[in-house]
Amino acid sequence: MSLDRSLKTGGSLDKHRNVLSRAERVAKLKGRGKFDMDSGDPLGLPKVGNRKVVAGGKAKKKGPAEEEAKK
């Protein structure tokens, strides 16, 4: 019998997720200086954006003719 996708463990939480747990939101807000661990209330936290940033595309490989022309 196969295991349902939602029940798998391990590296499944390493991928990008848009929804963060309360502990993850508190950690992000604490890093930004918007949450105090001593007096802050963990209920009713503001929304925290979790955007995946993709930087550029693939680098173009240079052929031997282009390398010689550059010299």
PDB file of N, CA and C in Angstrom:
ATOM      1  N   MET A   1       0.846  -1.174   0.000  1.00  0.00           N
ATOM      2  CA  MET A   1       0.000   0.000   0.000  1.00  0.00           C
ATOM      3  C   MET A   1       0.896   1.242   0.000  1.00  0.00           C
ATOM      4  N   SER A   2       0.542   2.215  -0.792  1.00  0.00           N
ATOM      5  CA  SER A   2       1.358   3.424  -0.880  1.00  0.00           C
ATOM      6  C   SER A   2       0.959   4.421   0.209  1.00  0.00           C
ATOM      7  N   LEU A   3       1.875   5.336   0.494  1.00  0.00           N
ATOM      8  CA  LEU A   3       1.675   6.350   1.526  1.00  0.00           C
ATOM      9  C   LEU A   3       1.152   7.625   0.872  1.00  0.00           C
ATOM     10  N   ASP A   4       0.108   8.208   1.457  1.00  0.00           N
ATOM     11  CA  ASP A   4      -0.455   9.431   0.909  1.00  0.00           C
ATOM     12  C   ASP A   4       0.572  10.567   0.946  1.00  0.00           C
ATOM     13  N   ARG A   5       0.529  11.457  -0.039  1.00  0.00           N
ATOM     14  CA  ARG A   5       1.507  12.548  -0.150  1.00  0.00           C
ATOM     15  C   ARG A   5       1.518  13.431   1.091  1.00  0.00           C
ATOM     16  N   SER A   6       0.352  13.678   1.690  1.00  0.00           N
ATOM     17  CA  SER A   6       0.281  14.574   2.838  1.00  0.00           C
ATOM     18  C   SER A   6       0.895  13.979   4.098  1.00  0.00           C
ATOM     19  N   LEU A   7       1.101  12.678   4.118  1.00  0.00           N
ATOM     20  CA  LEU A   7       1.639  12.014   5.305  1.00  0.00           C
ATOM     21  C   LEU A   7       3.143  11.788   5.235  1.00  0.00           C
ATOM     22  N   LYS A   8       3.753  12.144   4.123  1.00  0.00           N
ATOM     23  CA  LYS A   8       5.191  11.930   3.983  1.00  0.00           C
ATOM     24  C   LYS A   8       5.959  12.910   4.864  1.00  0.00           C
ATOM     25  N   THR A   9       7.100  12.475   5.368  1.00  0.00           N
ATOM     26  CA  THR A   9       7.913  13.314   6.241  1.00  0.00           C
ATOM     27  C   THR A   9       9.290  13.494   5.621  1.00  0.00           C
ATOM     28  N   GLY A  10      10.140  14.138   6.347  1.00  0.00           N
ATOM     29  CA  GLY A  10      11.513  14.300   5.869  1.00  0.00           C
ATOM     30  C   GLY A  10      11.707  15.635   5.193  1.00  0.00           C
ATOM     31  N   GLY A  11      12.162  15.616   3.960  1.00  0.00           N
ATOM     32  CA  GLY A  11      12.501  16.832   3.242  1.00  0.00           C
ATOM     33  C   GLY A  11      11.312  17.579   2.674  1.00  0.00           C
ATOM     34  N   SER A  12      10.111  17.146   2.962  1.00  0.00           N
ATOM     35  CA  SER A  12       8.952  17.797   2.366  1.00  0.00           C
ATOM     36  C   SER A  12       8.757  19.220   2.886  1.00  0.00           C
ATOM     37  N   LEU A  13       9.237  19.523   4.089  1.00  0.00           N
ATOM     38  CA  LEU A  13       9.084  20.869   4.627  1.00  0.00           C
ATOM     39  C   LEU A  13      10.225  21.787   4.220  1.00  0.00           C
ATOM     40  N   ASP A  14      11.216  21.273   3.501  1.00  0.00           N
ATOM     41  CA  ASP A  14      12.337  22.094   3.073  1.00  0.00           C
ATOM     42  C   ASP A  14      11.996  22.944   1.863  1.00  0.00           C
ATOM     43  N   LYS A  15      10.980  22.558   1.119  1.00  0.00           N
ATOM     44  CA  LYS A  15      10.632  23.323  -0.073  1.00  0.00           C
ATOM     45  C   LYS A  15       9.888  24.602   0.322  1.00  0.00           C
ATOM     46  N   HIS A  16       9.712  25.500  -0.628  1.00  0.00           N
ATOM     47  CA  HIS A  16       9.080  26.786  -0.376  1.00  0.00           C
ATOM     48  C   HIS A  16       7.603  26.605  -0.028  1.00  0.00           C
ATOM     49  N   ARG A  17       7.172  27.284   1.029  1.00  0.00           N
ATOM     50  CA  ARG A  17       5.770  27.266   1.430  1.00  0.00           C
ATOM     51  C   ARG A  17       5.297  28.700   1.601  1.00  0.00           C
ATOM     52  N   ASN A  18       4.076  29.004   1.166  1.00  0.00           N
ATOM     53  CA  ASN A  18       3.518  30.334   1.330  1.00  0.00           C
ATOM     54  C   ASN A  18       2.945  30.534   2.724  1.00  0.00           C
ATOM     55  N   VAL A  19       2.449  29.477   3.340  1.00  0.00           N
ATOM     56  CA  VAL A  19       1.829  29.565   4.657  1.00  0.00           C
ATOM     57  C   VAL A  19       2.857  29.169   5.706  1.00  0.00           C
ATOM     58  N   LEU A  20       3.071  30.046   6.680  1.00  0.00           N
ATOM     59  CA  LEU A  20       4.042  29.780   7.734  1.00  0.00           C
ATOM     60  C   LEU A  20       3.333  29.405   9.023  1.00  0.00           C
ATOM     61  N   SER A  21       3.991  28.609   9.852  1.00  0.00           N
ATOM     62  CA  SER A  21       3.435  28.283  11.158  1.00  0.00           C
ATOM     63  C   SER A  21       3.597  29.491  12.082  1.00  0.00           C
ATOM     64  N   ARG A  22       2.927  29.472  13.215  1.00  0.00           N
ATOM     65  CA  ARG A  22       3.000  30.597  14.158  1.00  0.00           C
ATOM     66  C   ARG A  22       4.439  30.825  14.611  1.00  0.00           C
ATOM     67  N   ALA A  23       5.170  29.755  14.892  1.00  0.00           N
ATOM     68  CA  ALA A  23       6.555  29.890  15.354  1.00  0.00           C
ATOM     69  C   ALA A  23       7.426  30.530  14.275  1.00  0.00           C
ATOM     70  N   GLU A  24       7.193  30.166  13.013  1.00  0.00           N
ATOM     71  CA  GLU A  24       7.959  30.757  11.912  1.00  0.00           C
ATOM     72  C   GLU A  24       7.629  32.238  11.742  1.00  0.00           C
ATOM     73  N   ARG A  25       6.337  32.596  11.910  1.00  0.00           N
ATOM     74  CA  ARG A  25       5.953  34.012  11.807  1.00  0.00           C
ATOM     75  C   ARG A  25       6.561  34.824  12.938  1.00  0.00           C
ATOM     76  N   VAL A  26       6.557  34.277  14.148  1.00  0.00           N
ATOM     77  CA  VAL A  26       7.160  34.976  15.290  1.00  0.00           C
ATOM     78  C   VAL A  26       8.651  35.185  15.038  1.00  0.00           C
ATOM     79  N   ALA A  27       9.325  34.170  14.508  1.00  0.00           N
ATOM     80  CA  ALA A  27      10.762  34.289  14.243  1.00  0.00           C
ATOM     81  C   ALA A  27      11.041  35.372  13.201  1.00  0.00           C
ATOM     82  N   LYS A  28      10.222  35.432  12.136  1.00  0.00           N
ATOM     83  CA  LYS A  28      10.415  36.467  11.117  1.00  0.00           C
ATOM     84  C   LYS A  28      10.154  37.856  11.676  1.00  0.00           C
ATOM     85  N   LEU A  29       9.088  37.996  12.467  1.00  0.00           N
ATOM     86  CA  LEU A  29       8.769  39.300  13.050  1.00  0.00           C
ATOM     87  C   LEU A  29       9.830  39.731  14.059  1.00  0.00           C
ATOM     88  N   LYS A  30      10.357  38.775  14.810  1.00  0.00           N
ATOM     89  CA  LYS A  30      11.412  39.080  15.773  1.00  0.00           C
ATOM     90  C   LYS A  30      12.663  39.566  15.039  1.00  0.00           C
ATOM     91  N   GLY A  31      12.987  38.937  13.911  1.00  0.00           N
ATOM     92  CA  GLY A  31      14.141  39.350  13.118  1.00  0.00           C
ATOM     93  C   GLY A  31      13.983  40.750  12.545  1.00  0.00           C
ATOM     94  N   ARG A  32      12.757  41.152  12.269  1.00  0.00           N
ATOM     95  CA  ARG A  32      12.481  42.490  11.742  1.00  0.00           C
ATOM     96  C   ARG A  32      12.330  43.533  12.851  1.00  0.00           C
ATOM     97  N   GLY A  33      12.304  43.070  14.107  1.00  0.00           N
ATOM     98  CA  GLY A  33      12.151  43.986  15.227  1.00  0.00           C
ATOM     99  C   GLY A  33      10.711  44.405  15.482  1.00  0.00           C
ATOM    100  N   LYS A  34       9.739  43.619  15.008  1.00  0.00           N
ATOM    101  CA  LYS A  34       8.329  43.964  15.163  1.00  0.00           C
ATOM    102  C   LYS A  34       7.616  43.103  16.197  1.00  0.00           C
ATOM    103  N   PHE A  35       8.365  42.263  16.909  1.00  0.00           N
ATOM    104  CA  PHE A  35       7.764  41.407  17.924  1.00  0.00           C
ATOM    105  C   PHE A  35       8.722  41.284  19.089  1.00  0.00           C
ATOM    106  N   ASP A  36       8.197  41.509  20.306  1.00  0.00           N
ATOM    107  CA  ASP A  36       8.998  41.389  21.516  1.00  0.00           C
ATOM    108  C   ASP A  36       8.659  40.062  22.187  1.00  0.00           C
ATOM    109  N   MET A  37       9.665  39.230  22.417  1.00  0.00           N
ATOM    110  CA  MET A  37       9.433  37.901  22.992  1.00  0.00           C
ATOM    111  C   MET A  37       8.910  37.971  24.424  1.00  0.00           C
ATOM    112  N   ASP A  38       9.226  39.016  25.178  1.00  0.00           N
ATOM    113  CA  ASP A  38       8.801  39.105  26.571  1.00  0.00           C
ATOM    114  C   ASP A  38       7.360  39.596  26.710  1.00  0.00           C
ATOM    115  N   SER A  39       6.997  40.638  25.999  1.00  0.00           N
ATOM    116  CA  SER A  39       5.676  41.226  26.184  1.00  0.00           C
ATOM    117  C   SER A  39       4.747  41.019  24.989  1.00  0.00           C
ATOM    118  N   GLY A  40       5.215  40.381  23.937  1.00  0.00           N
ATOM    119  CA  GLY A  40       4.397  40.197  22.746  1.00  0.00           C
ATOM    120  C   GLY A  40       3.376  39.089  22.909  1.00  0.00           C
ATOM    121  N   ASP A  41       2.219  39.266  22.275  1.00  0.00           N
ATOM    122  CA  ASP A  41       1.159  38.268  22.309  1.00  0.00           C
ATOM    123  C   ASP A  41       1.239  37.435  21.028  1.00  0.00           C
ATOM    124  N   PRO A  42       1.442  36.113  21.128  1.00  0.00           N
ATOM    125  CA  PRO A  42       1.576  35.297  19.927  1.00  0.00           C
ATOM    126  C   PRO A  42       0.255  35.063  19.194  1.00  0.00           C
ATOM    127  N   LEU A  43      -0.859  35.502  19.781  1.00  0.00           N
ATOM    128  CA  LEU A  43      -2.158  35.368  19.124  1.00  0.00           C
ATOM    129  C   LEU A  43      -2.465  36.649  18.356  1.00  0.00           C
ATOM    130  N   GLY A  44      -3.073  36.540  17.217  1.00  0.00           N
ATOM    131  CA  GLY A  44      -3.434  37.704  16.421  1.00  0.00           C
ATOM    132  C   GLY A  44      -2.242  38.372  15.773  1.00  0.00           C
ATOM    133  N   LEU A  45      -1.274  37.584  15.343  1.00  0.00           N
ATOM    134  CA  LEU A  45      -0.085  38.137  14.695  1.00  0.00           C
ATOM    135  C   LEU A  45      -0.441  38.707  13.322  1.00  0.00           C
ATOM    136  N   PRO A  46       0.282  39.730  12.887  1.00  0.00           N
ATOM    137  CA  PRO A  46       0.047  40.233  11.530  1.00  0.00           C
ATOM    138  C   PRO A  46       0.526  39.218  10.491  1.00  0.00           C
ATOM    139  N   LYS A  47       0.012  39.370   9.292  1.00  0.00           N
ATOM    140  CA  LYS A  47       0.430  38.479   8.212  1.00  0.00           C
ATOM    141  C   LYS A  47       1.880  38.751   7.855  1.00  0.00           C
ATOM    142  N   VAL A  48       2.581  37.683   7.476  1.00  0.00           N
ATOM    143  CA  VAL A  48       3.988  37.789   7.100  1.00  0.00           C
ATOM    144  C   VAL A  48       4.134  37.185   5.717  1.00  0.00           C
ATOM    145  N   GLY A  49       4.611  37.988   4.769  1.00  0.00           N
ATOM    146  CA  GLY A  49       4.797  37.492   3.407  1.00  0.00           C
ATOM    147  C   GLY A  49       6.010  36.589   3.328  1.00  0.00           C
ATOM    148  N   ASN A  50       5.869  35.499   2.608  1.00  0.00           N
ATOM    149  CA  ASN A  50       6.970  34.557   2.420  1.00  0.00           C
ATOM    150  C   ASN A  50       7.116  34.333   0.926  1.00  0.00           C
ATOM    151  N   ARG A  51       7.846  35.227   0.286  1.00  0.00           N
ATOM    152  CA  ARG A  51       8.001  35.177  -1.161  1.00  0.00           C
ATOM    153  C   ARG A  51       9.275  34.448  -1.543  1.00  0.00           C
ATOM    154  N   LYS A  52       9.176  33.658  -2.591  1.00  0.00           N
ATOM    155  CA  LYS A  52      10.351  32.975  -3.115  1.00  0.00           C
ATOM    156  C   LYS A  52      10.982  33.884  -4.161  1.00  0.00           C
ATOM    157  N   VAL A  53      12.235  34.216  -3.966  1.00  0.00           N
ATOM    158  CA  VAL A  53      12.922  35.115  -4.870  1.00  0.00           C
ATOM    159  C   VAL A  53      13.740  34.292  -5.859  1.00  0.00           C
ATOM    160  N   VAL A  54      13.495  34.530  -7.135  1.00  0.00           N
ATOM    161  CA  VAL A  54      14.248  33.860  -8.183  1.00  0.00           C
ATOM    162  C   VAL A  54      15.149  34.915  -8.810  1.00  0.00           C
ATOM    163  N   ALA A  55      16.444  34.685  -8.763  1.00  0.00           N
ATOM    164  CA  ALA A  55      17.407  35.662  -9.259  1.00  0.00           C
ATOM    165  C   ALA A  55      17.908  35.256 -10.635  1.00  0.00           C
ATOM    166  N   GLY A  56      17.470  35.981 -11.648  1.00  0.00           N
ATOM    167  CA  GLY A  56      17.994  35.807 -13.003  1.00  0.00           C
ATOM    168  C   GLY A  56      17.711  34.454 -13.611  1.00  0.00           C
ATOM    169  N   GLY A  57      18.230  34.280 -14.806  1.00  0.00           N
ATOM    170  CA  GLY A  57      18.077  33.018 -15.516  1.00  0.00           C
ATOM    171  C   GLY A  57      19.391  32.266 -15.561  1.00  0.00           C
ATOM    172  N   LYS A  58      19.441  31.297 -16.422  1.00  0.00           N
ATOM    173  CA  LYS A  58      20.663  30.510 -16.553  1.00  0.00           C
ATOM    174  C   LYS A  58      21.730  31.325 -17.277  1.00  0.00           C
ATOM    175  N   ALA A  59      22.953  31.145 -16.875  1.00  0.00           N
ATOM    176  CA  ALA A  59      24.064  31.844 -17.510  1.00  0.00           C
ATOM    177  C   ALA A  59      24.336  31.211 -18.875  1.00  0.00           C
ATOM    178  N   LYS A  60      24.603  32.046 -19.834  1.00  0.00           N
ATOM    179  CA  LYS A  60      24.865  31.568 -21.182  1.00  0.00           C
ATOM    180  C   LYS A  60      26.295  31.054 -21.264  1.00  0.00           C
ATOM    181  N   LYS A  61      26.468  29.827 -21.762  1.00  0.00           N
ATOM    182  CA  LYS A  61      27.807  29.250 -21.888  1.00  0.00           C
ATOM    183  C   LYS A  61      28.508  29.854 -23.099  1.00  0.00           C
ATOM    184  N   LYS A  62      29.766  30.184 -22.912  1.00  0.00           N
ATOM    185  CA  LYS A  62      30.549  30.767 -24.004  1.00  0.00           C
ATOM    186  C   LYS A  62      31.300  29.661 -24.741  1.00  0.00           C
ATOM    187  N   GLY A  63      31.264  29.751 -26.048  1.00  0.00           N
ATOM    188  CA  GLY A  63      31.975  28.789 -26.871  1.00  0.00           C
ATOM    189  C   GLY A  63      33.421  29.201 -27.045  1.00  0.00           C
ATOM    190  N   PRO A  64      34.252  28.349 -27.639  1.00  0.00           N
ATOM    191  CA  PRO A  64      35.674  28.671 -27.824  1.00  0.00           C
ATOM    192  C   PRO A  64      35.889  29.883 -28.732  1.00  0.00           C
ATOM    193  N   ALA A  65      35.021  30.113 -29.719  1.00  0.00           N
ATOM    194  CA  ALA A  65      35.174  31.254 -30.627  1.00  0.00           C
ATOM    195  C   ALA A  65      34.951  32.571 -29.880  1.00  0.00           C
ATOM    196  N   GLU A  66      34.013  32.592 -28.968  1.00  0.00           N
ATOM    197  CA  GLU A  66      33.723  33.805 -28.200  1.00  0.00           C
ATOM    198  C   GLU A  66      34.838  34.123 -27.225  1.00  0.00           C
ATOM    199  N   GLU A  67      35.456  33.083 -26.658  1.00  0.00           N
ATOM    200  CA  GLU A  67      36.551  33.298 -25.710  1.00  0.00           C
ATOM    201  C   GLU A  67      37.776  33.890 -26.422  1.00  0.00           C
ATOM    202  N   GLU A  68      38.049  33.427 -27.653  1.00  0.00           N
ATOM    203  CA  GLU A  68      39.185  33.954 -28.414  1.00  0.00           C
ATOM    204  C   GLU A  68      38.941  35.409 -28.831  1.00  0.00           C
ATOM    205  N   ALA A  69      37.720  35.736 -29.189  1.00  0.00           N
ATOM    206  CA  ALA A  69      37.393  37.090 -29.610  1.00  0.00           C
ATOM    207  C   ALA A  69      37.505  38.066 -28.447  1.00  0.00           C
ATOM    208  N   LYS A  70      37.304  37.571 -27.238  1.00  0.00           N
ATOM    209  CA  LYS A  70      37.380  38.414 -26.052  1.00  0.00           C
ATOM    210  C   LYS A  70      38.830  38.772 -25.704  1.00  0.00           C
ATOM    211  N   LYS A  71      39.789  37.924 -26.099  1.00  0.00           N
ATOM    212  CA  LYS A  71      41.214  38.135 -25.754  1.00  0.00           C
ATOM    213  C   LYS A  71      41.820  39.244 -26.504  1.00  0.00           C
TER     214      LYS A  71
END
